[in-house]
């Protein structure tokens, strides 16, 4: 990944306490996995921002390199990579996600 793409991703990750790189937007998810993440965060009452990777192919590939994670969506909390849809579902079902997000957003 070139340094410009790296810098853009770093800025996006830092632009919101909860940032989701996904297909589509939080108002119009374009895949089921992205929709799962949006629904979980909405159910928890969390404020979050999204970036539509379908709108920018450099970011779409670059975010996979940035996190060393092969799939989208990708969720970042306070700059830390949390995971994708499956991980968020697991954390949500265990109750761990709500606790971690509340602590992260409060700090």
Protein backbone atom coordinates (compact mmCIF):
# COMPACT_ATOMS: atom_id res chain seq x y z
CA UNK A 1 0.00 0.00 0.00
CA UNK A 2 1.32 3.45 -0.84
CA UNK A 3 1.95 6.04 1.85
CA UNK A 4 -0.96 8.24 0.72
CA UNK A 5 -3.47 5.39 1.15
CA UNK A 6 -1.88 4.49 4.50
CA UNK A 7 -2.24 8.09 5.71
CA UNK A 8 -5.86 8.28 4.53
CA UNK A 9 -6.73 5.05 6.37
CA UNK A 10 -5.00 6.22 9.55
CA UNK A 11 -6.96 9.49 9.41
CA UNK A 12 -10.24 7.65 8.87
CA UNK A 13 -9.57 5.23 11.74
CA UNK A 14 -8.89 8.18 14.06
CA UNK A 15 -11.85 10.25 12.81
CA UNK A 16 -14.43 8.60 15.08
CA UNK A 17 -14.33 6.59 18.33
CA UNK A 18 -16.12 3.79 16.45
CA UNK A 19 -15.31 3.52 12.76
CA UNK A 20 -16.66 0.82 10.45
CA UNK A 21 -15.20 0.11 7.04
CA UNK A 22 -18.05 -1.59 5.22
CA UNK A 23 -19.83 -2.15 1.95
CA UNK A 24 -22.41 0.61 1.76
CA UNK A 25 -23.33 3.03 4.52
CA UNK A 26 -24.99 2.67 7.90
CA UNK A 27 -28.23 3.84 6.27
CA UNK A 28 -27.87 1.49 3.29
CA UNK A 29 -25.60 -1.50 3.95
CA UNK A 30 -24.73 -3.31 0.72
CA UNK A 31 -24.02 -6.76 2.16
CA UNK A 32 -25.37 -8.94 4.93
CA UNK A 33 -22.16 -8.91 6.97
CA UNK A 34 -22.02 -5.11 6.93
CA UNK A 35 -25.70 -5.02 7.87
CA UNK A 36 -25.01 -7.34 10.84
CA UNK A 37 -22.43 -4.91 12.23
CA UNK A 38 -24.73 -1.90 11.74
CA UNK A 39 -27.61 -3.70 13.46
CA UNK A 40 -25.42 -4.70 16.42
CA UNK A 41 -24.06 -1.20 16.93
CA UNK A 42 -27.55 0.30 16.58
CA UNK A 43 -28.97 -2.24 19.06
CA UNK A 44 -26.31 -1.17 21.56
CA UNK A 45 -27.16 2.49 20.99
CA UNK A 46 -23.63 3.28 19.88
CA UNK A 47 -22.77 6.30 17.74
CA UNK A 48 -20.44 5.31 14.93
CA UNK A 49 -19.20 6.41 11.55
CA UNK A 50 -18.79 4.36 8.40
CA UNK A 51 -16.68 4.42 5.27
CA UNK A 52 -18.09 2.81 2.13
CA UNK A 53 -15.22 0.76 0.69
CA UNK A 54 -17.20 0.31 -2.53
CA UNK A 55 -16.61 4.02 -3.22
CA UNK A 56 -12.81 3.76 -3.11
CA UNK A 57 -10.88 0.74 -4.36
CA UNK A 58 -7.59 1.91 -2.80
CA UNK A 59 -9.17 2.01 0.65
CA UNK A 60 -11.03 -1.25 -0.02
CA UNK A 61 -7.76 -3.13 -0.55
CA UNK A 62 -5.68 -0.95 1.74
CA UNK A 63 -7.81 -1.57 4.82
CA UNK A 64 -7.22 -5.31 4.43
CA UNK A 65 -3.47 -4.72 4.36
CA UNK A 66 -3.67 -2.18 7.21
CA UNK A 67 -5.36 -4.63 9.58
CA UNK A 68 -3.91 -7.81 8.09
CA UNK A 69 -7.53 -9.01 8.01
CA UNK A 70 -8.90 -10.33 4.69
CA UNK A 71 -12.58 -9.44 4.93
CA UNK A 72 -14.91 -6.47 5.20
CA UNK A 73 -16.56 -5.10 7.32
CA UNK A 74 -13.85 -4.06 9.73
CA UNK A 75 -14.58 -2.32 13.02
CA UNK A 76 -12.14 0.00 14.79
CA UNK A 77 -12.68 1.34 18.30
CA UNK A 78 -10.43 4.20 19.43
CA UNK A 79 -8.04 3.23 16.65
CA UNK A 80 -7.90 -0.44 17.65
CA UNK A 81 -9.02 -3.13 15.22
CA UNK A 82 -11.81 -5.17 16.83
CA UNK A 83 -12.69 -7.51 13.97
CA UNK A 84 -15.37 -8.22 11.45
CA UNK A 85 -18.94 -9.39 11.49
CA UNK A 86 -18.36 -12.85 13.02
CA UNK A 87 -16.23 -11.51 15.86
CA UNK A 88 -18.70 -8.72 16.64
CA UNK A 89 -21.61 -11.18 16.66
CA UNK A 90 -19.71 -13.44 19.07
CA UNK A 91 -18.78 -10.51 21.34
CA UNK A 92 -22.34 -9.17 21.21
CA UNK A 93 -23.87 -12.53 22.13
CA UNK A 94 -21.50 -12.95 25.08
CA UNK A 95 -22.18 -9.42 26.36
CA UNK A 96 -18.50 -8.55 26.03
CA UNK A 97 -19.01 -6.06 23.19
CA UNK A 98 -21.40 -3.78 25.08
CA UNK A 99 -19.05 -3.56 28.04
CA UNK A 100 -15.95 -2.91 25.91
CA UNK A 101 -17.65 -0.29 23.75
CA UNK A 102 -19.11 1.57 26.72
CA UNK A 103 -15.68 1.74 28.36
CA UNK A 104 -13.93 2.72 25.13
CA UNK A 105 -16.39 5.48 24.25
CA UNK A 106 -16.40 6.87 27.81
CA UNK A 107 -12.61 7.20 27.92
